[in-house]
Amino acid sequence: MADKERPLMIRHTDGRSYTLAEYQAILAPLYAEKKDILRRCIAGLNSYAAGLAVTGRESELQELRKFVVEAAAFWVLNGDDSKNGYWTIKAEYEGAFDQAVAAARSTEQAPILSREAQGSILSGLELYSKEMTDSGGMERWVRQCDALAEQLREEWAVPEARMGGLTYR
């Protein structure tokens, strides 16, 4: 068989070799779980943004909105990896963010973030930071993500030792 006809093989750390399709099938549940962690994180950040809107912290909203869109795009959370995918992600996630903020403004109330929701946000930020670090060349975004996580830990009085409750393997 010529080299062009030989399927791409990936050697796993366990010594086994897999075709690209086999390896993708193995990783699919792991990535689905990671995306779920990030979806919960972003949902929590939208609720947090609603709280910012009603507590006089409007100046923080635009940066947080941009962060949410970038995180959703990094993970392709809507599944649209086409050439226009970023724009559909941007519209979808900006829309959800804006809706949460508008609802809080109109009622002058924001959802209360439970400890569980806070943990979901922090776990998602930790995962996002790790994945960007592993990707390389994303230091600016890693710093931004880590700074947000630190700010939230301080606001919520969550010690860093409580982190690490990630469910991905």
C-alpha atoms as a PDB file:
ATOM      1  CA  MET A   1       0.000   0.000   0.000  1.00  0.00           C
ATOM      2  CA  ALA A   2       1.386   3.403  -0.901  1.00  0.00           C
ATOM      3  CA  ASP A   3       1.979   5.946   1.881  1.00  0.00           C
ATOM      4  CA  LYS A   4      -0.885   8.092   0.559  1.00  0.00           C
ATOM      5  CA  GLU A   5      -3.310   5.208   1.011  1.00  0.00           C
ATOM      6  CA  ARG A   6      -2.207   4.281   4.523  1.00  0.00           C
ATOM      7  CA  PRO A   7      -4.556   5.751   7.159  1.00  0.00           C
ATOM      8  CA  LEU A   8      -3.160   8.212   9.661  1.00  0.00           C
ATOM      9  CA  MET A   9      -2.384   6.323  12.846  1.00  0.00           C
ATOM     10  CA  ILE A  10      -2.108   7.863  16.284  1.00  0.00           C
ATOM     11  CA  ARG A  11      -0.098   6.116  18.956  1.00  0.00           C
ATOM     12  CA  HIS A  12      -1.646   6.476  22.391  1.00  0.00           C
ATOM     13  CA  THR A  13       0.437   6.571  25.573  1.00  0.00           C
ATOM     14  CA  ASP A  14      -0.797   3.043  26.323  1.00  0.00           C
ATOM     15  CA  GLY A  15       1.136   1.844  23.265  1.00  0.00           C
ATOM     16  CA  ARG A  16      -1.907   1.104  21.119  1.00  0.00           C
ATOM     17  CA  SER A  17      -2.366   2.666  17.699  1.00  0.00           C
ATOM     18  CA  TYR A  18      -5.637   4.102  16.480  1.00  0.00           C
ATOM     19  CA  THR A  19      -6.877   5.551  13.234  1.00  0.00           C
ATOM     20  CA  LEU A  20      -7.857   9.190  13.433  1.00  0.00           C
ATOM     21  CA  ALA A  21     -11.554   8.233  13.360  1.00  0.00           C
ATOM     22  CA  GLU A  22     -11.092   5.688  16.182  1.00  0.00           C
ATOM     23  CA  TYR A  23      -9.171   8.202  18.284  1.00  0.00           C
ATOM     24  CA  GLN A  24     -11.812  10.887  17.730  1.00  0.00           C
ATOM     25  CA  ALA A  25     -14.491   8.421  18.830  1.00  0.00           C
ATOM     26  CA  ILE A  26     -12.530   7.708  22.011  1.00  0.00           C
ATOM     27  CA  LEU A  27     -12.120  11.425  22.770  1.00  0.00           C
ATOM     28  CA  ALA A  28     -15.675  12.494  21.890  1.00  0.00           C
ATOM     29  CA  PRO A  29     -17.200  11.795  25.346  1.00  0.00           C
ATOM     30  CA  LEU A  30     -14.324  13.622  27.049  1.00  0.00           C
ATOM     31  CA  TYR A  31     -14.764  16.709  24.885  1.00  0.00           C
ATOM     32  CA  ALA A  32     -18.533  16.598  25.328  1.00  0.00           C
ATOM     33  CA  GLU A  33     -18.024  16.635  29.095  1.00  0.00           C
ATOM     34  CA  LYS A  34     -15.558  19.520  28.847  1.00  0.00           C
ATOM     35  CA  LYS A  35     -18.004  21.491  26.706  1.00  0.00           C
ATOM     36  CA  ASP A  36     -20.738  20.893  29.294  1.00  0.00           C
ATOM     37  CA  ILE A  37     -18.429  22.291  31.986  1.00  0.00           C
ATOM     38  CA  LEU A  38     -17.876  25.393  29.869  1.00  0.00           C
ATOM     39  CA  ARG A  39     -21.580  25.785  29.093  1.00  0.00           C
ATOM     40  CA  ARG A  40     -22.357  25.771  32.828  1.00  0.00           C
ATOM     41  CA  CYS A  41     -19.531  28.251  33.377  1.00  0.00           C
ATOM     42  CA  ILE A  42     -20.880  30.625  30.747  1.00  0.00           C
ATOM     43  CA  ALA A  43     -24.441  30.325  32.043  1.00  0.00           C
ATOM     44  CA  GLY A  44     -23.116  31.263  35.460  1.00  0.00           C
ATOM     45  CA  LEU A  45     -21.107  34.157  34.036  1.00  0.00           C
ATOM     46  CA  ASN A  46     -24.289  35.455  32.380  1.00  0.00           C
ATOM     47  CA  SER A  47     -26.001  35.429  35.776  1.00  0.00           C
ATOM     48  CA  TYR A  48     -22.961  37.095  37.310  1.00  0.00           C
ATOM     49  CA  ALA A  49     -23.180  39.768  34.584  1.00  0.00           C
ATOM     50  CA  ALA A  50     -26.813  40.354  35.521  1.00  0.00           C
ATOM     51  CA  GLY A  51     -25.630  40.997  39.056  1.00  0.00           C
ATOM     52  CA  LEU A  52     -23.054  43.476  37.805  1.00  0.00           C
ATOM     53  CA  ALA A  53     -25.773  45.321  35.916  1.00  0.00           C
ATOM     54  CA  VAL A  54     -27.899  45.891  39.003  1.00  0.00           C
ATOM     55  CA  THR A  55     -25.086  46.671  41.432  1.00  0.00           C
ATOM     56  CA  GLY A  56     -23.566  49.615  39.604  1.00  0.00           C
ATOM     57  CA  ARG A  57     -20.711  47.729  37.986  1.00  0.00           C
ATOM     58  CA  GLU A  58     -21.716  48.478  34.399  1.00  0.00           C
ATOM     59  CA  SER A  59     -18.124  49.246  33.410  1.00  0.00           C
ATOM     60  CA  GLU A  60     -17.208  45.550  33.756  1.00  0.00           C
ATOM     61  CA  LEU A  61     -19.913  44.252  31.424  1.00  0.00           C
ATOM     62  CA  GLN A  62     -18.293  44.810  28.012  1.00  0.00           C
ATOM     63  CA  GLU A  63     -15.081  43.003  28.947  1.00  0.00           C
ATOM     64  CA  LEU A  64     -17.012  40.110  30.470  1.00  0.00           C
ATOM     65  CA  ARG A  65     -19.282  39.908  27.404  1.00  0.00           C
ATOM     66  CA  LYS A  66     -16.249  39.694  25.129  1.00  0.00           C
ATOM     67  CA  PHE A  67     -14.717  37.035  27.400  1.00  0.00           C
ATOM     68  CA  VAL A  68     -17.890  34.917  27.232  1.00  0.00           C
ATOM     69  CA  VAL A  69     -17.944  35.056  23.427  1.00  0.00           C
ATOM     70  CA  GLU A  70     -14.236  34.186  23.173  1.00  0.00           C
ATOM     71  CA  ALA A  71     -14.666  31.218  25.514  1.00  0.00           C
ATOM     72  CA  ALA A  72     -17.671  29.938  23.563  1.00  0.00           C
ATOM     73  CA  ALA A  73     -15.761  30.358  20.297  1.00  0.00           C
ATOM     74  CA  PHE A  74     -12.655  28.573  21.629  1.00  0.00           C
ATOM     75  CA  TRP A  75     -14.802  25.575  22.528  1.00  0.00           C
ATOM     76  CA  VAL A  76     -17.107  25.889  19.468  1.00  0.00           C
ATOM     77  CA  LEU A  77     -19.953  25.453  21.928  1.00  0.00           C
ATOM     78  CA  ASN A  78     -22.694  25.719  19.343  1.00  0.00           C
ATOM     79  CA  GLY A  79     -21.059  23.059  17.160  1.00  0.00           C
ATOM     80  CA  ASP A  80     -20.732  25.376  14.152  1.00  0.00           C
ATOM     81  CA  ASP A  81     -17.143  25.011  13.005  1.00  0.00           C
ATOM     82  CA  SER A  82     -17.855  26.415   9.554  1.00  0.00           C
ATOM     83  CA  LYS A  83     -16.052  29.469   8.217  1.00  0.00           C
ATOM     84  CA  ASN A  84     -18.919  31.603   9.555  1.00  0.00           C
ATOM     85  CA  GLY A  85     -19.075  29.705  12.837  1.00  0.00           C
ATOM     86  CA  TYR A  86     -17.513  32.460  14.911  1.00  0.00           C
ATOM     87  CA  TRP A  87     -20.244  34.876  13.846  1.00  0.00           C
ATOM     88  CA  THR A  88     -23.035  32.488  14.785  1.00  0.00           C
ATOM     89  CA  ILE A  89     -21.367  31.821  18.145  1.00  0.00           C
ATOM     90  CA  LYS A  90     -20.918  35.554  18.679  1.00  0.00           C
ATOM     91  CA  ALA A  91     -24.573  36.282  17.926  1.00  0.00           C
ATOM     92  CA  GLU A  92     -25.846  33.417  20.083  1.00  0.00           C
ATOM     93  CA  TYR A  93     -23.679  34.073  23.131  1.00  0.00           C
ATOM     94  CA  GLU A  94     -23.881  37.860  23.000  1.00  0.00           C
ATOM     95  CA  GLY A  95     -27.644  37.485  22.729  1.00  0.00           C
ATOM     96  CA  ALA A  96     -27.860  35.276  25.826  1.00  0.00           C
ATOM     97  CA  PHE A  97     -25.540  37.608  27.755  1.00  0.00           C
ATOM     98  CA  ASP A  98     -27.500  40.697  26.721  1.00  0.00           C
ATOM     99  CA  GLN A  99     -30.801  39.008  27.575  1.00  0.00           C
ATOM    100  CA  ALA A 100     -29.602  38.169  31.105  1.00  0.00           C
ATOM    101  CA  VAL A 101     -28.379  41.731  31.641  1.00  0.00           C
ATOM    102  CA  ALA A 102     -31.554  43.290  30.207  1.00  0.00           C
ATOM    103  CA  ALA A 103     -33.786  41.100  32.393  1.00  0.00           C
ATOM    104  CA  ALA A 104     -31.838  42.141  35.485  1.00  0.00           C
ATOM    105  CA  ARG A 105     -32.020  45.805  34.539  1.00  0.00           C
ATOM    106  CA  SER A 106     -35.766  45.683  33.881  1.00  0.00           C
ATOM    107  CA  THR A 107     -36.559  43.970  37.203  1.00  0.00           C
ATOM    108  CA  GLU A 108     -33.669  45.528  39.123  1.00  0.00           C
ATOM    109  CA  GLN A 109     -32.932  42.022  40.366  1.00  0.00           C
ATOM    110  CA  ALA A 110     -30.350  39.450  39.417  1.00  0.00           C
ATOM    111  CA  PRO A 111     -30.259  35.719  40.001  1.00  0.00           C
ATOM    112  CA  ILE A 112     -28.469  34.695  43.171  1.00  0.00           C
ATOM    113  CA  LEU A 113     -25.476  32.531  42.379  1.00  0.00           C
ATOM    114  CA  SER A 114     -25.451  29.428  44.560  1.00  0.00           C
ATOM    115  CA  ARG A 115     -22.185  27.948  45.756  1.00  0.00           C
ATOM    116  CA  GLU A 116     -22.719  25.240  43.144  1.00  0.00           C
ATOM    117  CA  ALA A 117     -23.052  27.837  40.371  1.00  0.00           C
ATOM    118  CA  GLN A 118     -19.977  29.644  41.656  1.00  0.00           C
ATOM    119  CA  GLY A 119     -18.105  26.329  41.615  1.00  0.00           C
ATOM    120  CA  SER A 120     -19.258  25.679  38.042  1.00  0.00           C
ATOM    121  CA  ILE A 121     -17.937  29.061  36.966  1.00  0.00           C
ATOM    122  CA  LEU A 122     -14.590  28.542  38.677  1.00  0.00           C
ATOM    123  CA  SER A 123     -14.239  24.976  37.364  1.00  0.00           C
ATOM    124  CA  GLY A 124     -14.987  26.179  33.838  1.00  0.00           C
ATOM    125  CA  LEU A 125     -12.446  28.985  34.122  1.00  0.00           C
ATOM    126  CA  GLU A 126      -9.840  26.541  35.422  1.00  0.00           C
ATOM    127  CA  LEU A 127     -10.497  24.152  32.530  1.00  0.00           C
ATOM    128  CA  TYR A 128     -10.466  26.969  29.955  1.00  0.00           C
ATOM    129  CA  SER A 129      -7.154  28.281  31.315  1.00  0.00           C
ATOM    130  CA  LYS A 130      -5.609  24.800  31.245  1.00  0.00           C
ATOM    131  CA  GLU A 131      -6.736  24.111  27.682  1.00  0.00           C
ATOM    132  CA  MET A 132      -5.431  27.475  26.455  1.00  0.00           C
ATOM    133  CA  THR A 133      -2.119  26.871  28.229  1.00  0.00           C
ATOM    134  CA  ASP A 134      -1.879  23.427  26.616  1.00  0.00           C
ATOM    135  CA  SER A 135      -2.634  24.966  23.201  1.00  0.00           C
ATOM    136  CA  GLY A 136       0.272  27.384  23.548  1.00  0.00           C
ATOM    137  CA  GLY A 137       0.591  30.931  22.308  1.00  0.00           C
ATOM    138  CA  MET A 138      -2.458  32.105  24.239  1.00  0.00           C
ATOM    139  CA  GLU A 139      -0.758  33.701  27.222  1.00  0.00           C
ATOM    140  CA  ARG A 140      -2.772  36.942  27.087  1.00  0.00           C
ATOM    141  CA  TRP A 141      -6.067  35.020  27.280  1.00  0.00           C
ATOM    142  CA  VAL A 142      -4.725  32.712  29.980  1.00  0.00           C
ATOM    143  CA  ARG A 143      -3.809  35.739  32.113  1.00  0.00           C
ATOM    144  CA  GLN A 144      -7.252  37.254  31.520  1.00  0.00           C
ATOM    145  CA  CYS A 145      -8.983  34.006  32.460  1.00  0.00           C
ATOM    146  CA  ASP A 146      -6.845  33.506  35.572  1.00  0.00           C
ATOM    147  CA  ALA A 147      -7.402  37.121  36.644  1.00  0.00           C
ATOM    148  CA  LEU A 148     -11.173  36.697  36.339  1.00  0.00           C
ATOM    149  CA  ALA A 149     -11.051  33.472  38.359  1.00  0.00           C
ATOM    150  CA  GLU A 150      -8.974  35.174  41.049  1.00  0.00           C
ATOM    151  CA  GLN A 151     -11.345  38.163  41.167  1.00  0.00           C
ATOM    152  CA  LEU A 152     -14.340  35.861  41.563  1.00  0.00           C
ATOM    153  CA  ARG A 153     -12.641  33.737  44.242  1.00  0.00           C
ATOM    154  CA  GLU A 154     -11.955  36.932  46.189  1.00  0.00           C
ATOM    155  CA  GLU A 155     -15.503  38.287  45.730  1.00  0.00           C
ATOM    156  CA  TRP A 156     -17.042  35.005  46.805  1.00  0.00           C
ATOM    157  CA  ALA A 157     -14.426  34.219  49.471  1.00  0.00           C
ATOM    158  CA  VAL A 158     -13.666  30.878  47.830  1.00  0.00           C
ATOM    159  CA  PRO A 159     -10.186  29.661  48.715  1.00  0.00           C
ATOM    160  CA  GLU A 160      -8.142  28.285  45.848  1.00  0.00           C
ATOM    161  CA  ALA A 161      -7.979  24.953  47.681  1.00  0.00           C
ATOM    162  CA  ARG A 162     -11.700  24.476  46.901  1.00  0.00           C
ATOM    163  CA  MET A 163     -10.852  24.456  43.232  1.00  0.00           C
ATOM    164  CA  GLY A 164     -10.018  21.249  41.459  1.00  0.00           C
ATOM    165  CA  GLY A 165     -13.513  19.821  41.502  1.00  0.00           C
ATOM    166  CA  LEU A 166     -13.283  19.272  37.762  1.00  0.00           C
ATOM    167  CA  THR A 167     -15.057  16.224  36.489  1.00  0.00           C
ATOM    168  CA  TYR A 168     -13.034  15.720  33.346  1.00  0.00           C
ATOM    169  CA  ARG A 169     -10.452  12.977  33.241  1.00  0.00           C
END
